[in-house]
Amino acid sequence: MADIQHPITGLDDTVHQRVRLAIMTTLCDGMEVEFSYLRTTLGLTDGNLGRHLELLAQRGYISMRKTYNGRRQRSWIQLTPVGEAALAAEARVLRSILATIDGVNHAESVP
């Protein structure tokens, strides 16, 4: 019998973590957003968001750039092509898991 792995083995722990998944799905439209927009939208503290962004940047999933408005620094975040691919792969795995659930539910409803 062939070794069959559950679809969950395909999840990327970096992407799948709920805050990082929320960050990446917020950025998935290709737009560059400001740090404060992500912080407010996701209801995070500066430190918490910063740590998640740092991890995503280390993996190459996002790019960050800094600008200045007078003396005030602004940070801009955007999903990279590597991040887009990782998010697409995560979505495929999640769809596969849901298909497994749907198959079980469908089998239960067949007389």
C-alpha atoms as a PDB file:
ATOM      1  CA  MET A   1       0.000   0.000   0.000  1.00  0.00           C
ATOM      2  CA  ALA A   2       1.356   3.412  -0.963  1.00  0.00           C
ATOM      3  CA  ASP A   3       2.079   5.967   1.735  1.00  0.00           C
ATOM      4  CA  ILE A   4      -0.745   8.469   1.578  1.00  0.00           C
ATOM      5  CA  GLN A   5      -0.260  11.681   3.501  1.00  0.00           C
ATOM      6  CA  HIS A   6      -3.066  13.799   4.838  1.00  0.00           C
ATOM      7  CA  PRO A   7      -3.365  17.174   3.071  1.00  0.00           C
ATOM      8  CA  ILE A   8      -2.530  18.927   6.337  1.00  0.00           C
ATOM      9  CA  THR A   9       1.126  17.979   5.797  1.00  0.00           C
ATOM     10  CA  GLY A  10       1.182  20.533   2.971  1.00  0.00           C
ATOM     11  CA  LEU A  11       0.385  23.504   5.201  1.00  0.00           C
ATOM     12  CA  ASP A  12       3.129  26.110   5.547  1.00  0.00           C
ATOM     13  CA  ASP A  13       3.383  26.907   9.264  1.00  0.00           C
ATOM     14  CA  THR A  14       4.645  30.403   8.485  1.00  0.00           C
ATOM     15  CA  VAL A  15       1.605  31.213   6.354  1.00  0.00           C
ATOM     16  CA  HIS A  16      -0.944  29.183   8.282  1.00  0.00           C
ATOM     17  CA  GLN A  17      -0.537  30.997  11.596  1.00  0.00           C
ATOM     18  CA  ARG A  18      -3.753  33.031  11.879  1.00  0.00           C
ATOM     19  CA  VAL A  19      -2.234  36.536  12.120  1.00  0.00           C
ATOM     20  CA  ARG A  20       0.238  35.919   9.300  1.00  0.00           C
ATOM     21  CA  LEU A  21      -2.512  34.400   7.163  1.00  0.00           C
ATOM     22  CA  ALA A  22      -4.609  37.509   7.826  1.00  0.00           C
ATOM     23  CA  ILE A  23      -1.685  39.769   6.874  1.00  0.00           C
ATOM     24  CA  MET A  24      -1.057  37.880   3.651  1.00  0.00           C
ATOM     25  CA  THR A  25      -4.722  37.776   2.633  1.00  0.00           C
ATOM     26  CA  THR A  26      -4.989  41.514   3.304  1.00  0.00           C
ATOM     27  CA  LEU A  27      -2.035  42.054   0.967  1.00  0.00           C
ATOM     28  CA  CYS A  28      -3.123  39.553  -1.707  1.00  0.00           C
ATOM     29  CA  ASP A  29      -4.653  42.175  -4.012  1.00  0.00           C
ATOM     30  CA  GLY A  30      -1.160  43.407  -4.884  1.00  0.00           C
ATOM     31  CA  MET A  31      -1.522  46.732  -3.151  1.00  0.00           C
ATOM     32  CA  GLU A  32       1.098  48.166  -0.854  1.00  0.00           C
ATOM     33  CA  VAL A  33      -0.372  49.079   2.522  1.00  0.00           C
ATOM     34  CA  GLU A  34       0.878  51.106   5.438  1.00  0.00           C
ATOM     35  CA  PHE A  35       1.812  49.485   8.746  1.00  0.00           C
ATOM     36  CA  SER A  36      -0.873  51.448  10.604  1.00  0.00           C
ATOM     37  CA  TYR A  37      -3.555  50.172   8.199  1.00  0.00           C
ATOM     38  CA  LEU A  38      -2.617  46.557   8.966  1.00  0.00           C
ATOM     39  CA  ARG A  39      -2.391  47.281  12.691  1.00  0.00           C
ATOM     40  CA  THR A  40      -5.865  48.822  12.771  1.00  0.00           C
ATOM     41  CA  THR A  41      -7.504  46.370  10.379  1.00  0.00           C
ATOM     42  CA  LEU A  42      -6.196  43.335  12.242  1.00  0.00           C
ATOM     43  CA  GLY A  43      -6.491  44.804  15.746  1.00  0.00           C
ATOM     44  CA  LEU A  44      -2.856  44.206  16.675  1.00  0.00           C
ATOM     45  CA  THR A  45      -0.308  46.053  18.738  1.00  0.00           C
ATOM     46  CA  ASP A  46       2.734  47.588  17.046  1.00  0.00           C
ATOM     47  CA  GLY A  47       5.038  44.987  18.583  1.00  0.00           C
ATOM     48  CA  ASN A  48       2.864  42.017  17.687  1.00  0.00           C
ATOM     49  CA  LEU A  49       2.406  43.124  14.095  1.00  0.00           C
ATOM     50  CA  GLY A  50       6.087  43.997  13.792  1.00  0.00           C
ATOM     51  CA  ARG A  51       7.156  40.523  14.887  1.00  0.00           C
ATOM     52  CA  HIS A  52       4.846  38.814  12.378  1.00  0.00           C
ATOM     53  CA  LEU A  53       6.023  41.106   9.591  1.00  0.00           C
ATOM     54  CA  GLU A  54       9.631  40.357  10.496  1.00  0.00           C
ATOM     55  CA  LEU A  55       9.013  36.612  10.155  1.00  0.00           C
ATOM     56  CA  LEU A  56       7.222  37.037   6.819  1.00  0.00           C
ATOM     57  CA  ALA A  57      10.041  39.252   5.536  1.00  0.00           C
ATOM     58  CA  GLN A  58      12.670  36.698   6.609  1.00  0.00           C
ATOM     59  CA  ARG A  59      10.900  34.068   4.494  1.00  0.00           C
ATOM     60  CA  GLY A  60      10.741  36.500   1.558  1.00  0.00           C
ATOM     61  CA  TYR A  61       6.938  36.563   1.610  1.00  0.00           C
ATOM     62  CA  ILE A  62       6.649  40.331   2.024  1.00  0.00           C
ATOM     63  CA  SER A  63       8.717  43.388   1.247  1.00  0.00           C
ATOM     64  CA  MET A  64       8.854  46.418   3.489  1.00  0.00           C
ATOM     65  CA  ARG A  65      10.006  49.903   2.702  1.00  0.00           C
ATOM     66  CA  LYS A  66      10.267  52.999   4.846  1.00  0.00           C
ATOM     67  CA  THR A  67       9.363  56.534   3.870  1.00  0.00           C
ATOM     68  CA  TYR A  68       9.298  59.741   5.818  1.00  0.00           C
ATOM     69  CA  ASN A  69       6.539  62.297   6.128  1.00  0.00           C
ATOM     70  CA  GLY A  70       8.492  65.134   7.671  1.00  0.00           C
ATOM     71  CA  ARG A  71      10.077  63.555  10.723  1.00  0.00           C
ATOM     72  CA  ARG A  72       7.499  60.783  10.914  1.00  0.00           C
ATOM     73  CA  GLN A  73       8.541  57.406   9.556  1.00  0.00           C
ATOM     74  CA  ARG A  74       5.991  55.345   7.612  1.00  0.00           C
ATOM     75  CA  SER A  75       6.388  51.655   6.811  1.00  0.00           C
ATOM     76  CA  TRP A  76       4.845  50.166   3.677  1.00  0.00           C
ATOM     77  CA  ILE A  77       4.259  46.444   3.228  1.00  0.00           C
ATOM     78  CA  GLN A  78       3.593  44.436   0.081  1.00  0.00           C
ATOM     79  CA  LEU A  79       3.319  40.748  -0.764  1.00  0.00           C
ATOM     80  CA  THR A  80       6.207  39.505  -2.908  1.00  0.00           C
ATOM     81  CA  PRO A  81       5.884  37.005  -5.780  1.00  0.00           C
ATOM     82  CA  VAL A  82       7.282  34.368  -3.382  1.00  0.00           C
ATOM     83  CA  GLY A  83       4.581  35.338  -0.875  1.00  0.00           C
ATOM     84  CA  GLU A  84       1.888  35.185  -3.546  1.00  0.00           C
ATOM     85  CA  ALA A  85       3.015  31.664  -4.462  1.00  0.00           C
ATOM     86  CA  ALA A  86       3.082  30.594  -0.790  1.00  0.00           C
ATOM     87  CA  LEU A  87      -0.413  31.982  -0.222  1.00  0.00           C
ATOM     88  CA  ALA A  88      -1.724  30.257  -3.368  1.00  0.00           C
ATOM     89  CA  ALA A  89      -0.180  26.963  -2.212  1.00  0.00           C
ATOM     90  CA  GLU A  90      -1.769  27.395   1.221  1.00  0.00           C
ATOM     91  CA  ALA A  91      -5.154  28.017  -0.405  1.00  0.00           C
ATOM     92  CA  ARG A  92      -4.793  24.824  -2.482  1.00  0.00           C
ATOM     93  CA  VAL A  93      -4.036  22.773   0.622  1.00  0.00           C
ATOM     94  CA  LEU A  94      -6.960  24.311   2.507  1.00  0.00           C
ATOM     95  CA  ARG A  95      -9.266  23.546  -0.438  1.00  0.00           C
ATOM     96  CA  SER A  96      -8.009  19.964  -0.406  1.00  0.00           C
ATOM     97  CA  ILE A  97      -8.779  19.663   3.297  1.00  0.00           C
ATOM     98  CA  LEU A  98     -12.245  21.126   2.747  1.00  0.00           C
ATOM     99  CA  ALA A  99     -12.845  18.700  -0.115  1.00  0.00           C
ATOM    100  CA  THR A 100     -12.058  15.859   2.295  1.00  0.00           C
ATOM    101  CA  ILE A 101     -14.618  17.229   4.751  1.00  0.00           C
ATOM    102  CA  ASP A 102     -17.170  17.774   1.982  1.00  0.00           C
ATOM    103  CA  GLY A 103     -16.628  14.207   0.777  1.00  0.00           C
ATOM    104  CA  VAL A 104     -17.302  12.828   4.247  1.00  0.00           C
ATOM    105  CA  ASN A 105     -20.391  15.008   4.651  1.00  0.00           C
ATOM    106  CA  HIS A 106     -21.639  14.057   1.193  1.00  0.00           C
ATOM    107  CA  ALA A 107     -21.109  10.336   1.899  1.00  0.00           C
ATOM    108  CA  GLU A 108     -23.130  10.641   5.126  1.00  0.00           C
ATOM    109  CA  SER A 109     -26.083  12.175   3.295  1.00  0.00           C
ATOM    110  CA  VAL A 110     -26.269   9.468   0.613  1.00  0.00           C
ATOM    111  CA  PRO A 111     -28.919   6.842   1.541  1.00  0.00           C
END
